[in-house]
């Protein structure tokens, strides 16, 4: 075999090997890029919602605030919260039919109706986002009043916590905190993995945690 033919065979085999590696890595690369985009969007969304609540605390109609604190039922309080947020997030008054939307934890396990992070009420908002609202029973004054969840992809998959779903707690004084703020980095990292629930990714990503760590 001539040197030229041998070189062509070697060159061809090298190209095939590079192509095979590229094909194997392509899905991971696309997934990583997609997740990086979602993390960036979550950081932007959180900063915007945080700013929104700081404005609400300063300029919200006092009667609405009083009504929110005096509301007797969960449904009444939730409707008042939507009324406050509607101009900022363009929340629709129409609920998302539950039969069309079934969020899961990061480890792909289902969220049961008796679980703390189960939401009954979902609404469409700007940019096809889905917002979930849950009124909480306060045992102490320091407990959160509401939980909000944001599915940045709306009805599109994966509909999983820590992937495209993130959440915040809303407190009586009007300030907010992302889920997971009470945990240390080791616990955050463990939960924000394929074996975890993904709930605490909401804070983990804000403080610089990475999905590929």
N, C-alpha and C. Protein backbone atom coordinates (compact mmCIF):
# COMPACT_ATOMS: atom_id res chain seq x y z
N UNK A 1 0.85 -1.19 0.00
CA UNK A 1 0.00 0.00 0.00
C UNK A 1 0.89 1.25 0.00
N UNK A 2 0.55 2.19 -0.87
CA UNK A 2 1.36 3.39 -0.96
C UNK A 2 1.13 4.28 0.25
N UNK A 3 2.09 5.13 0.48
CA UNK A 3 2.00 6.06 1.61
C UNK A 3 0.78 6.96 1.47
N UNK A 4 0.48 7.38 0.22
CA UNK A 4 -0.64 8.27 -0.02
C UNK A 4 -1.97 7.62 0.34
N UNK A 5 -2.15 6.33 -0.06
CA UNK A 5 -3.38 5.61 0.27
C UNK A 5 -3.50 5.39 1.78
N UNK A 6 -2.37 5.07 2.39
CA UNK A 6 -2.37 4.86 3.84
C UNK A 6 -2.76 6.14 4.57
N UNK A 7 -2.24 7.25 4.07
CA UNK A 7 -2.56 8.55 4.68
C UNK A 7 -4.04 8.86 4.55
N UNK A 8 -4.64 8.56 3.39
CA UNK A 8 -6.06 8.81 3.16
C UNK A 8 -6.93 7.98 4.11
N UNK A 9 -6.54 6.71 4.32
CA UNK A 9 -7.29 5.84 5.24
C UNK A 9 -7.22 6.39 6.66
N UNK A 10 -6.01 6.76 7.07
CA UNK A 10 -5.83 7.32 8.41
C UNK A 10 -6.64 8.60 8.58
N UNK A 11 -6.63 9.44 7.57
CA UNK A 11 -7.35 10.70 7.60
C UNK A 11 -8.86 10.46 7.70
N UNK A 12 -9.34 9.50 6.92
CA UNK A 12 -10.77 9.17 6.92
C UNK A 12 -11.20 8.63 8.28
N UNK A 13 -10.39 7.71 8.84
CA UNK A 13 -10.71 7.15 10.15
C UNK A 13 -10.73 8.22 11.23
N UNK A 14 -9.80 9.16 11.13
CA UNK A 14 -9.76 10.26 12.10
C UNK A 14 -11.02 11.11 12.01
N UNK A 15 -11.45 11.39 10.78
CA UNK A 15 -12.66 12.18 10.59
C UNK A 15 -13.89 11.47 11.15
N UNK A 16 -13.97 10.15 10.91
CA UNK A 16 -15.08 9.36 11.43
C UNK A 16 -15.09 9.39 12.96
N UNK A 17 -13.91 9.27 13.57
CA UNK A 17 -13.80 9.29 15.03
C UNK A 17 -14.24 10.63 15.59
N UNK A 18 -13.82 11.72 14.95
CA UNK A 18 -14.21 13.06 15.40
C UNK A 18 -15.71 13.24 15.26
N UNK A 19 -16.26 12.77 14.14
CA UNK A 19 -17.69 12.88 13.90
C UNK A 19 -18.49 12.09 14.94
N UNK A 20 -18.00 10.87 15.26
CA UNK A 20 -18.69 10.03 16.23
C UNK A 20 -18.70 10.69 17.61
N UNK A 21 -17.58 11.28 18.01
CA UNK A 21 -17.50 11.98 19.30
C UNK A 21 -18.44 13.17 19.30
N UNK A 22 -18.48 13.88 18.17
CA UNK A 22 -19.37 15.05 18.06
C UNK A 22 -20.83 14.64 18.21
N UNK A 23 -21.22 13.54 17.55
CA UNK A 23 -22.59 13.05 17.63
C UNK A 23 -22.94 12.64 19.06
N UNK A 24 -21.98 12.01 19.77
CA UNK A 24 -22.23 11.59 21.13
C UNK A 24 -22.37 12.77 22.09
N UNK A 25 -21.58 13.81 21.85
CA UNK A 25 -21.58 14.95 22.75
C UNK A 25 -22.65 15.98 22.42
N UNK A 26 -23.17 15.95 21.21
CA UNK A 26 -24.11 16.98 20.77
C UNK A 26 -25.34 17.10 21.67
N UNK A 27 -26.02 15.99 22.03
CA UNK A 27 -27.20 16.14 22.91
C UNK A 27 -26.88 16.79 24.25
N UNK A 28 -25.73 16.41 24.83
CA UNK A 28 -25.33 17.00 26.11
C UNK A 28 -25.03 18.47 25.96
N UNK A 29 -24.37 18.83 24.86
CA UNK A 29 -24.04 20.23 24.62
C UNK A 29 -25.30 21.07 24.46
N UNK A 30 -26.25 20.56 23.70
CA UNK A 30 -27.51 21.28 23.51
C UNK A 30 -28.27 21.42 24.82
N UNK A 31 -28.31 20.33 25.60
CA UNK A 31 -29.01 20.35 26.89
C UNK A 31 -28.36 21.35 27.84
N UNK A 32 -27.03 21.37 27.88
CA UNK A 32 -26.32 22.30 28.76
C UNK A 32 -26.59 23.75 28.36
N UNK A 33 -26.59 24.00 27.04
CA UNK A 33 -26.84 25.36 26.56
C UNK A 33 -28.27 25.79 26.91
N UNK A 34 -29.21 24.85 26.78
CA UNK A 34 -30.60 25.15 27.10
C UNK A 34 -30.76 25.44 28.59
N UNK A 35 -30.10 24.63 29.43
CA UNK A 35 -30.21 24.84 30.87
C UNK A 35 -29.55 26.15 31.29
N UNK A 36 -28.43 26.48 30.66
CA UNK A 36 -27.76 27.74 30.96
C UNK A 36 -28.67 28.92 30.62
N UNK A 37 -29.41 28.80 29.53
CA UNK A 37 -30.35 29.85 29.14
C UNK A 37 -31.48 29.98 30.16
N UNK A 38 -31.99 28.84 30.65
CA UNK A 38 -33.06 28.87 31.64
C UNK A 38 -32.59 29.46 32.96
N UNK A 39 -31.35 29.14 33.35
CA UNK A 39 -30.79 29.71 34.58
C UNK A 39 -30.70 31.23 34.45
N UNK A 40 -30.24 31.69 33.30
CA UNK A 40 -30.14 33.13 33.07
C UNK A 40 -31.52 33.79 33.12
N UNK A 41 -32.50 33.13 32.52
CA UNK A 41 -33.86 33.67 32.54
C UNK A 41 -34.43 33.70 33.95
N UNK A 42 -34.11 32.67 34.74
CA UNK A 42 -34.60 32.65 36.11
C UNK A 42 -33.99 33.79 36.92
N UNK A 43 -32.71 34.04 36.76
CA UNK A 43 -32.08 35.15 37.47
C UNK A 43 -32.72 36.48 37.08
N UNK A 44 -33.01 36.66 35.81
CA UNK A 44 -33.67 37.88 35.36
C UNK A 44 -35.08 37.99 35.94
N UNK A 45 -35.80 36.86 35.92
CA UNK A 45 -37.17 36.86 36.45
C UNK A 45 -37.18 37.17 37.95
N UNK A 46 -36.27 36.55 38.70
CA UNK A 46 -36.24 36.78 40.14
C UNK A 46 -35.93 38.25 40.45
N UNK A 47 -34.94 38.81 39.75
CA UNK A 47 -34.59 40.21 39.99
C UNK A 47 -35.77 41.13 39.68
N UNK A 48 -36.50 40.78 38.64
CA UNK A 48 -37.66 41.60 38.27
C UNK A 48 -38.77 41.48 39.30
N UNK A 49 -39.05 40.26 39.76
CA UNK A 49 -40.10 40.06 40.76
C UNK A 49 -39.71 40.71 42.08
N UNK A 50 -38.45 40.62 42.44
CA UNK A 50 -37.96 41.26 43.66
C UNK A 50 -38.16 42.76 43.59
N UNK A 51 -37.84 43.33 42.43
CA UNK A 51 -38.06 44.77 42.24
C UNK A 51 -39.54 45.10 42.30
N UNK A 52 -40.37 44.23 41.68
CA UNK A 52 -41.81 44.44 41.67
C UNK A 52 -42.35 44.54 43.10
N UNK A 53 -41.92 43.65 43.98
CA UNK A 53 -42.43 43.66 45.35
C UNK A 53 -41.91 44.86 46.13
N UNK A 54 -40.71 45.31 45.80
CA UNK A 54 -40.22 46.52 46.48
C UNK A 54 -41.05 47.73 46.06
N UNK A 55 -41.47 47.76 44.80
CA UNK A 55 -42.34 48.85 44.33
C UNK A 55 -43.72 48.74 44.97
N UNK A 56 -44.24 47.51 45.03
CA UNK A 56 -45.56 47.30 45.63
C UNK A 56 -45.58 47.75 47.08
N UNK A 57 -44.50 47.47 47.80
CA UNK A 57 -44.44 47.87 49.20
C UNK A 57 -44.50 49.38 49.37
N UNK A 58 -44.00 50.09 48.36
CA UNK A 58 -43.95 51.55 48.45
C UNK A 58 -45.22 52.21 47.91
N UNK A 59 -45.74 51.65 46.81
CA UNK A 59 -46.81 52.35 46.10
C UNK A 59 -48.15 51.63 46.05
N UNK A 60 -48.21 50.42 46.57
CA UNK A 60 -49.47 49.68 46.47
C UNK A 60 -50.60 50.39 47.22
N UNK A 61 -51.78 50.25 46.68
CA UNK A 61 -52.96 50.83 47.30
C UNK A 61 -53.13 50.29 48.73
N UNK A 62 -53.21 51.17 49.70
CA UNK A 62 -53.29 50.76 51.10
C UNK A 62 -54.52 49.89 51.38
N UNK A 63 -55.60 50.19 50.67
CA UNK A 63 -56.82 49.43 50.89
C UNK A 63 -56.64 47.98 50.46
N UNK A 64 -55.90 47.78 49.37
CA UNK A 64 -55.65 46.41 48.90
C UNK A 64 -54.79 45.66 49.91
N UNK A 65 -53.77 46.34 50.43
CA UNK A 65 -52.89 45.71 51.43
C UNK A 65 -53.69 45.32 52.67
N UNK A 66 -54.55 46.23 53.11
CA UNK A 66 -55.38 45.94 54.28
C UNK A 66 -56.32 44.76 53.99
N UNK A 67 -56.89 44.77 52.79
CA UNK A 67 -57.80 43.69 52.41
C UNK A 67 -57.08 42.37 52.36
N UNK A 68 -55.83 42.38 51.90
CA UNK A 68 -55.03 41.17 51.80
C UNK A 68 -54.81 40.56 53.18
N UNK A 69 -54.53 41.40 54.14
CA UNK A 69 -54.27 40.92 55.50
C UNK A 69 -55.55 40.49 56.22
N UNK A 70 -56.68 41.09 55.83
CA UNK A 70 -57.95 40.78 56.49
C UNK A 70 -58.75 39.69 55.80
N UNK A 71 -58.29 39.26 54.62
CA UNK A 71 -59.05 38.26 53.85
C UNK A 71 -59.28 37.00 54.69
N UNK A 72 -60.47 36.47 54.57
CA UNK A 72 -60.86 35.32 55.40
C UNK A 72 -60.54 33.97 54.76
N UNK A 73 -60.50 33.91 53.45
CA UNK A 73 -60.28 32.63 52.77
C UNK A 73 -59.03 32.67 51.91
N UNK A 74 -58.50 31.48 51.64
CA UNK A 74 -57.32 31.37 50.78
C UNK A 74 -57.61 31.90 49.38
N UNK A 75 -58.78 31.59 48.87
CA UNK A 75 -59.15 32.02 47.52
C UNK A 75 -59.20 33.54 47.43
N UNK A 76 -59.75 34.16 48.46
CA UNK A 76 -59.85 35.63 48.48
C UNK A 76 -58.47 36.27 48.51
N UNK A 77 -57.59 35.73 49.32
CA UNK A 77 -56.22 36.28 49.41
C UNK A 77 -55.47 36.09 48.10
N UNK A 78 -55.63 34.92 47.47
CA UNK A 78 -54.95 34.65 46.21
C UNK A 78 -55.40 35.61 45.13
N UNK A 79 -56.69 35.89 45.07
CA UNK A 79 -57.22 36.81 44.06
C UNK A 79 -56.69 38.22 44.27
N UNK A 80 -56.57 38.62 45.54
CA UNK A 80 -56.02 39.95 45.83
C UNK A 80 -54.55 40.03 45.46
N UNK A 81 -53.80 38.94 45.69
CA UNK A 81 -52.38 38.92 45.31
C UNK A 81 -52.25 39.04 43.79
N UNK A 82 -53.09 38.32 43.06
CA UNK A 82 -53.07 38.41 41.60
C UNK A 82 -53.36 39.84 41.16
N UNK A 83 -54.32 40.48 41.81
CA UNK A 83 -54.68 41.86 41.49
C UNK A 83 -53.49 42.78 41.65
N UNK A 84 -52.70 42.56 42.70
CA UNK A 84 -51.51 43.37 42.93
C UNK A 84 -50.44 43.15 41.86
N UNK A 85 -50.25 41.90 41.45
CA UNK A 85 -49.16 41.57 40.54
C UNK A 85 -49.53 41.72 39.06
N UNK A 86 -50.80 41.75 38.77
CA UNK A 86 -51.27 41.71 37.39
C UNK A 86 -50.65 42.77 36.47
N UNK A 87 -50.56 44.03 36.91
CA UNK A 87 -49.99 45.04 36.01
C UNK A 87 -48.51 44.81 35.68
N UNK A 88 -47.81 44.11 36.56
CA UNK A 88 -46.37 43.92 36.38
C UNK A 88 -46.04 42.66 35.57
N UNK A 89 -46.80 41.60 35.78
CA UNK A 89 -46.50 40.31 35.14
C UNK A 89 -47.55 39.90 34.11
N UNK A 90 -48.54 40.75 33.90
CA UNK A 90 -49.61 40.48 32.93
C UNK A 90 -50.21 39.09 33.13
N UNK A 91 -50.65 38.86 34.35
CA UNK A 91 -51.25 37.57 34.70
C UNK A 91 -52.68 37.52 34.18
N UNK A 92 -53.02 36.44 33.51
CA UNK A 92 -54.38 36.25 33.01
C UNK A 92 -55.30 35.82 34.15
N UNK A 93 -56.55 36.21 34.05
CA UNK A 93 -57.52 35.80 35.06
C UNK A 93 -58.00 34.37 34.83
N UNK A 94 -57.61 33.78 33.70
CA UNK A 94 -58.01 32.41 33.38
C UNK A 94 -57.02 31.41 33.96
N UNK A 95 -57.54 30.43 34.67
CA UNK A 95 -56.69 29.37 35.22
C UNK A 95 -56.19 28.45 34.11
N UNK A 96 -55.01 27.87 34.34
CA UNK A 96 -54.51 26.82 33.45
C UNK A 96 -55.20 25.51 33.84
N UNK A 97 -55.89 24.87 32.91
CA UNK A 97 -56.56 23.60 33.26
C UNK A 97 -55.58 22.58 33.80
N UNK A 98 -55.84 22.03 34.97
CA UNK A 98 -54.91 21.10 35.62
C UNK A 98 -54.68 19.84 34.80
N UNK A 99 -55.65 19.48 33.98
CA UNK A 99 -55.48 18.26 33.18
C UNK A 99 -54.41 18.43 32.10
N UNK A 100 -54.05 19.67 31.81
CA UNK A 100 -53.04 19.93 30.79
C UNK A 100 -51.64 20.19 31.36
N UNK A 101 -51.55 20.27 32.67
CA UNK A 101 -50.27 20.70 33.24
C UNK A 101 -49.95 19.89 34.49
N UNK A 102 -48.83 19.16 34.44
CA UNK A 102 -48.45 18.27 35.54
C UNK A 102 -46.95 18.42 35.85
N UNK A 103 -46.58 19.46 36.62
CA UNK A 103 -45.16 19.63 36.96
C UNK A 103 -44.64 18.49 37.82
N UNK A 104 -43.33 18.24 37.72
CA UNK A 104 -42.69 17.18 38.50
C UNK A 104 -41.44 17.72 39.18
N UNK A 105 -40.92 16.92 40.12
CA UNK A 105 -39.64 17.25 40.73
C UNK A 105 -38.51 16.97 39.74
N UNK A 106 -37.32 17.45 40.07
CA UNK A 106 -36.18 17.27 39.17
C UNK A 106 -35.88 15.80 38.92
N UNK A 107 -36.06 14.95 39.93
CA UNK A 107 -35.79 13.52 39.76
C UNK A 107 -36.91 12.79 39.02
N UNK A 108 -37.82 13.57 38.47
CA UNK A 108 -38.92 13.07 37.64
C UNK A 108 -40.04 12.41 38.44
N UNK A 109 -40.01 12.51 39.76
CA UNK A 109 -41.10 11.95 40.57
C UNK A 109 -42.29 12.91 40.57
N UNK A 110 -43.47 12.35 40.72
CA UNK A 110 -44.69 13.15 40.71
C UNK A 110 -44.85 13.91 42.03
N UNK A 111 -45.61 14.99 41.97
CA UNK A 111 -45.90 15.79 43.15
C UNK A 111 -47.32 15.47 43.60
N UNK A 112 -47.44 14.80 44.73
CA UNK A 112 -48.75 14.40 45.23
C UNK A 112 -49.55 15.55 45.80
N UNK A 113 -50.86 15.42 45.82
CA UNK A 113 -51.74 16.48 46.28
C UNK A 113 -51.52 16.83 47.75
N UNK A 114 -51.01 15.88 48.52
CA UNK A 114 -50.80 16.12 49.94
C UNK A 114 -49.41 16.69 50.23
N UNK A 115 -48.61 16.92 49.21
CA UNK A 115 -47.24 17.41 49.42
C UNK A 115 -47.21 18.93 49.47
N UNK A 116 -46.22 19.43 50.19
CA UNK A 116 -46.11 20.86 50.44
C UNK A 116 -45.99 21.66 49.15
N UNK A 117 -45.27 21.14 48.17
CA UNK A 117 -45.03 21.88 46.93
C UNK A 117 -46.05 21.57 45.83
N UNK A 118 -47.19 21.08 46.24
CA UNK A 118 -48.29 20.88 45.29
C UNK A 118 -49.08 22.18 45.18
N UNK A 119 -49.31 22.63 43.95
CA UNK A 119 -50.07 23.85 43.69
C UNK A 119 -51.40 23.48 43.03
N UNK A 120 -52.46 24.16 43.47
CA UNK A 120 -53.79 23.97 42.88
C UNK A 120 -54.07 24.97 41.76
N UNK A 121 -53.55 26.18 41.93
CA UNK A 121 -53.92 27.28 41.04
C UNK A 121 -52.75 27.71 40.16
N UNK A 122 -52.96 27.62 38.86
CA UNK A 122 -51.96 28.04 37.87
C UNK A 122 -52.59 29.06 36.94
N UNK A 123 -51.79 30.06 36.55
CA UNK A 123 -52.28 31.12 35.67
C UNK A 123 -51.26 31.38 34.56
N UNK A 124 -51.78 31.75 33.39
CA UNK A 124 -50.90 32.18 32.32
C UNK A 124 -50.42 33.59 32.60
N UNK A 125 -49.17 33.87 32.20
CA UNK A 125 -48.62 35.21 32.37
C UNK A 125 -47.81 35.57 31.13
N UNK A 126 -47.05 36.63 31.22
CA UNK A 126 -46.30 37.13 30.07
C UNK A 126 -45.33 36.09 29.53
N UNK A 127 -45.08 36.18 28.22
CA UNK A 127 -44.12 35.32 27.53
C UNK A 127 -44.41 33.83 27.74
N UNK A 128 -45.69 33.49 27.81
CA UNK A 128 -46.14 32.09 27.95
C UNK A 128 -45.71 31.44 29.27
N UNK A 129 -45.28 32.26 30.22
CA UNK A 129 -44.94 31.73 31.54
C UNK A 129 -46.20 31.25 32.26
N UNK A 130 -46.04 30.20 33.07
CA UNK A 130 -47.12 29.77 33.95
C UNK A 130 -46.72 30.10 35.38
N UNK A 131 -47.62 30.75 36.10
CA UNK A 131 -47.38 31.11 37.49
C UNK A 131 -48.33 30.32 38.39
N UNK A 132 -47.76 29.66 39.39
CA UNK A 132 -48.56 28.96 40.38
C UNK A 132 -48.61 29.76 41.67
N UNK A 133 -49.77 29.82 42.30
CA UNK A 133 -49.95 30.57 43.54
C UNK A 133 -50.52 29.63 44.61
N UNK A 134 -49.89 29.66 45.78
CA UNK A 134 -50.38 28.84 46.89
C UNK A 134 -50.42 29.68 48.15
N UNK A 135 -51.60 29.78 48.73
CA UNK A 135 -51.77 30.47 50.00
C UNK A 135 -51.36 29.52 51.12
N UNK A 136 -50.58 30.03 52.07
CA UNK A 136 -50.04 29.20 53.14
C UNK A 136 -50.66 29.55 54.48
N UNK A 137 -50.83 28.54 55.28
CA UNK A 137 -51.30 28.77 56.65
C UNK A 137 -50.12 29.20 57.51
N UNK A 138 -50.20 30.38 58.08
CA UNK A 138 -49.12 30.91 58.90
C UNK A 138 -49.27 30.48 60.35
N UNK A 139 -48.29 29.75 60.85
CA UNK A 139 -48.27 29.38 62.26
C UNK A 139 -47.63 30.48 63.10
N UNK A 140 -46.66 31.18 62.49
CA UNK A 140 -45.95 32.27 63.15
C UNK A 140 -45.90 33.47 62.22
N UNK A 141 -45.67 34.64 62.79
CA UNK A 141 -45.63 35.86 61.99
C UNK A 141 -44.49 35.85 60.97
N UNK A 142 -43.43 35.06 61.28
CA UNK A 142 -42.28 35.01 60.37
C UNK A 142 -42.46 34.01 59.23
N UNK A 143 -43.53 33.25 59.25
CA UNK A 143 -43.78 32.27 58.19
C UNK A 143 -44.23 32.98 56.90
N UNK A 144 -43.93 32.40 55.74
CA UNK A 144 -44.39 33.01 54.49
C UNK A 144 -45.91 32.96 54.36
N UNK A 145 -46.46 33.95 53.65
CA UNK A 145 -47.90 34.00 53.41
C UNK A 145 -48.29 33.24 52.15
N UNK A 146 -47.42 33.33 51.14
CA UNK A 146 -47.70 32.70 49.86
C UNK A 146 -46.44 32.04 49.32
N UNK A 147 -46.65 31.11 48.41
CA UNK A 147 -45.59 30.61 47.55
C UNK A 147 -45.97 30.92 46.12
N UNK A 148 -44.98 31.32 45.34
CA UNK A 148 -45.17 31.49 43.90
C UNK A 148 -44.21 30.57 43.17
N UNK A 149 -44.67 29.93 42.11
CA UNK A 149 -43.79 29.17 41.24
C UNK A 149 -43.89 29.73 39.84
N UNK A 150 -42.77 29.66 39.13
CA UNK A 150 -42.69 30.17 37.77
C UNK A 150 -42.18 29.07 36.85
N UNK A 151 -43.01 28.67 35.90
CA UNK A 151 -42.55 27.75 34.86
C UNK A 151 -42.21 28.60 33.65
N UNK A 152 -40.93 28.77 33.41
CA UNK A 152 -40.46 29.69 32.38
C UNK A 152 -40.82 29.23 30.98
N UNK A 153 -41.04 27.93 30.80
CA UNK A 153 -41.40 27.39 29.49
C UNK A 153 -42.91 27.25 29.30
N UNK A 154 -43.67 27.55 30.31
CA UNK A 154 -45.11 27.35 30.21
C UNK A 154 -45.45 25.88 30.08
N UNK A 155 -46.32 25.57 29.16
CA UNK A 155 -46.75 24.18 28.97
C UNK A 155 -45.69 23.31 28.32
N UNK A 156 -44.68 23.93 27.73
CA UNK A 156 -43.63 23.15 27.08
C UNK A 156 -42.79 22.40 28.11
N UNK A 157 -42.28 21.21 27.75
CA UNK A 157 -41.45 20.44 28.68
C UNK A 157 -40.12 21.15 28.94
N UNK A 158 -39.42 20.78 30.03
CA UNK A 158 -39.61 19.56 30.82
C UNK A 158 -40.61 19.69 31.98
N UNK A 159 -41.04 20.93 32.34
CA UNK A 159 -41.98 21.11 33.46
C UNK A 159 -41.48 20.45 34.73
N UNK A 160 -40.21 20.69 35.05
CA UNK A 160 -39.61 20.07 36.23
C UNK A 160 -38.91 21.13 37.08
N UNK A 161 -39.05 20.98 38.40
CA UNK A 161 -38.38 21.88 39.33
C UNK A 161 -36.87 21.83 39.12
N UNK A 162 -36.26 23.00 39.09
CA UNK A 162 -34.83 23.09 38.92
C UNK A 162 -34.39 23.06 37.48
N UNK A 163 -35.31 22.72 36.57
CA UNK A 163 -35.03 22.74 35.13
C UNK A 163 -35.62 24.01 34.53
N UNK A 164 -36.96 24.08 34.52
CA UNK A 164 -37.63 25.28 34.04
C UNK A 164 -38.62 25.83 35.05
N UNK A 165 -38.70 25.20 36.23
CA UNK A 165 -39.61 25.67 37.28
C UNK A 165 -38.80 26.13 38.50
N UNK A 166 -39.15 27.32 39.01
CA UNK A 166 -38.47 27.89 40.17
C UNK A 166 -39.52 28.57 41.06
N UNK A 167 -39.14 28.84 42.31
CA UNK A 167 -40.15 29.38 43.21
C UNK A 167 -39.62 30.34 44.25
N UNK A 168 -40.55 31.10 44.82
CA UNK A 168 -40.22 32.07 45.87
C UNK A 168 -41.27 32.00 46.98
N UNK A 169 -40.86 32.43 48.17
CA UNK A 169 -41.77 32.65 49.28
C UNK A 169 -42.06 34.14 49.40
N UNK A 170 -43.31 34.47 49.72
CA UNK A 170 -43.71 35.85 49.94
C UNK A 170 -44.07 36.00 51.42
N UNK A 171 -43.47 36.98 52.08
CA UNK A 171 -43.69 37.18 53.51
C UNK A 171 -44.62 38.37 53.76
N UNK A 172 -45.16 38.40 54.98
CA UNK A 172 -46.15 39.41 55.33
C UNK A 172 -45.65 40.83 55.19
N UNK A 173 -44.35 41.04 55.40
CA UNK A 173 -43.80 42.38 55.28
C UNK A 173 -43.61 42.80 53.83
N UNK A 174 -43.89 41.87 52.92
CA UNK A 174 -43.79 42.20 51.49
C UNK A 174 -42.48 41.83 50.84
N UNK A 175 -41.55 41.25 51.60
CA UNK A 175 -40.29 40.85 50.96
C UNK A 175 -40.40 39.40 50.48
N UNK A 176 -39.52 39.02 49.58
CA UNK A 176 -39.55 37.68 49.02
C UNK A 176 -38.19 37.00 49.19
N UNK A 177 -38.20 35.68 49.15
CA UNK A 177 -36.97 34.89 49.18
C UNK A 177 -37.13 33.69 48.26
N UNK A 178 -36.09 33.34 47.53
CA UNK A 178 -36.17 32.14 46.68
C UNK A 178 -36.17 30.87 47.53
N UNK A 179 -36.81 29.83 47.06
CA UNK A 179 -36.78 28.56 47.77
C UNK A 179 -35.34 28.10 47.98
N UNK A 180 -35.05 27.67 49.20
CA UNK A 180 -33.73 27.11 49.50
C UNK A 180 -32.79 28.05 50.21
N UNK A 181 -33.22 29.27 50.50
CA UNK A 181 -32.29 30.24 51.08
C UNK A 181 -31.80 29.82 52.46
N UNK A 182 -32.55 28.99 53.14
CA UNK A 182 -32.18 28.59 54.50
C UNK A 182 -31.12 27.48 54.53
N UNK A 183 -30.77 26.92 53.37
CA UNK A 183 -29.84 25.79 53.33
C UNK A 183 -28.41 26.22 52.98
N UNK A 184 -27.44 25.38 53.39
CA UNK A 184 -26.05 25.67 53.03
C UNK A 184 -25.75 25.13 51.63
N UNK A 185 -24.56 25.44 51.14
CA UNK A 185 -24.22 25.10 49.76
C UNK A 185 -24.25 23.60 49.49
N UNK A 186 -23.80 22.79 50.46
CA UNK A 186 -23.78 21.34 50.25
C UNK A 186 -25.20 20.79 50.06
N UNK A 187 -26.13 21.25 50.89
CA UNK A 187 -27.52 20.80 50.78
C UNK A 187 -28.16 21.30 49.49
N UNK A 188 -27.84 22.54 49.12
CA UNK A 188 -28.37 23.09 47.88
C UNK A 188 -27.91 22.28 46.67
N UNK A 189 -26.63 21.98 46.66
CA UNK A 189 -26.05 21.24 45.54
C UNK A 189 -26.64 19.83 45.44
N UNK A 190 -26.87 19.20 46.59
CA UNK A 190 -27.45 17.85 46.60
C UNK A 190 -28.87 17.87 46.06
N UNK A 191 -29.66 18.84 46.51
CA UNK A 191 -31.05 18.91 46.05
C UNK A 191 -31.13 19.30 44.58
N UNK A 192 -30.20 20.12 44.15
CA UNK A 192 -30.20 20.60 42.76
C UNK A 192 -29.38 19.65 41.89
N UNK A 193 -29.76 18.39 41.91
CA UNK A 193 -29.12 17.35 41.10
C UNK A 193 -30.20 16.41 40.61
N UNK A 194 -29.84 15.53 39.69
CA UNK A 194 -30.83 14.61 39.11
C UNK A 194 -31.44 13.68 40.16
N UNK A 195 -30.77 13.52 41.30
CA UNK A 195 -31.31 12.68 42.37
C UNK A 195 -32.17 13.47 43.35
N UNK A 196 -32.12 14.79 43.25
CA UNK A 196 -32.85 15.63 44.19
C UNK A 196 -34.20 16.08 43.66
N UNK A 197 -34.87 16.90 44.46
CA UNK A 197 -36.18 17.42 44.07
C UNK A 197 -36.07 18.63 43.15
N UNK A 198 -34.97 19.36 43.27
CA UNK A 198 -34.79 20.54 42.43
C UNK A 198 -35.44 21.80 42.97
N UNK A 199 -36.09 21.70 44.12
CA UNK A 199 -36.77 22.86 44.70
C UNK A 199 -35.77 23.97 45.02
N UNK A 200 -34.65 23.60 45.61
CA UNK A 200 -33.70 24.59 46.10
C UNK A 200 -32.77 25.14 45.03
N UNK A 201 -32.94 24.67 43.80
CA UNK A 201 -32.21 25.28 42.68
C UNK A 201 -32.57 26.76 42.56
N UNK A 202 -33.76 27.12 43.04
CA UNK A 202 -34.22 28.50 42.94
C UNK A 202 -33.24 29.46 43.60
N UNK A 203 -32.67 29.06 44.72
CA UNK A 203 -31.65 29.90 45.39
C UNK A 203 -30.25 29.54 44.91
N UNK A 204 -30.00 28.27 44.68
CA UNK A 204 -28.67 27.78 44.29
C UNK A 204 -28.16 28.48 43.04
N UNK A 205 -29.04 28.65 42.05
CA UNK A 205 -28.61 29.30 40.81
C UNK A 205 -28.40 30.80 40.99
N UNK A 206 -29.16 31.41 41.89
CA UNK A 206 -29.03 32.84 42.11
C UNK A 206 -27.68 33.20 42.75
N UNK A 207 -27.17 32.29 43.59
CA UNK A 207 -25.88 32.57 44.23
C UNK A 207 -24.70 32.01 43.45
N UNK A 208 -24.95 31.57 42.22
CA UNK A 208 -23.86 31.17 41.35
C UNK A 208 -23.64 29.69 41.19
N UNK A 209 -24.51 28.85 41.78
CA UNK A 209 -24.37 27.42 41.59
C UNK A 209 -24.59 27.04 40.14
N UNK A 210 -23.94 25.95 39.71
CA UNK A 210 -24.04 25.52 38.33
C UNK A 210 -24.72 24.19 38.18
N UNK A 211 -25.46 24.02 37.09
CA UNK A 211 -26.17 22.76 36.84
C UNK A 211 -25.24 21.62 36.49
N UNK A 212 -24.00 21.95 36.10
CA UNK A 212 -23.05 20.91 35.67
C UNK A 212 -22.06 20.56 36.76
N UNK A 213 -22.27 21.06 37.96
CA UNK A 213 -21.31 20.79 39.03
C UNK A 213 -21.58 19.45 39.69
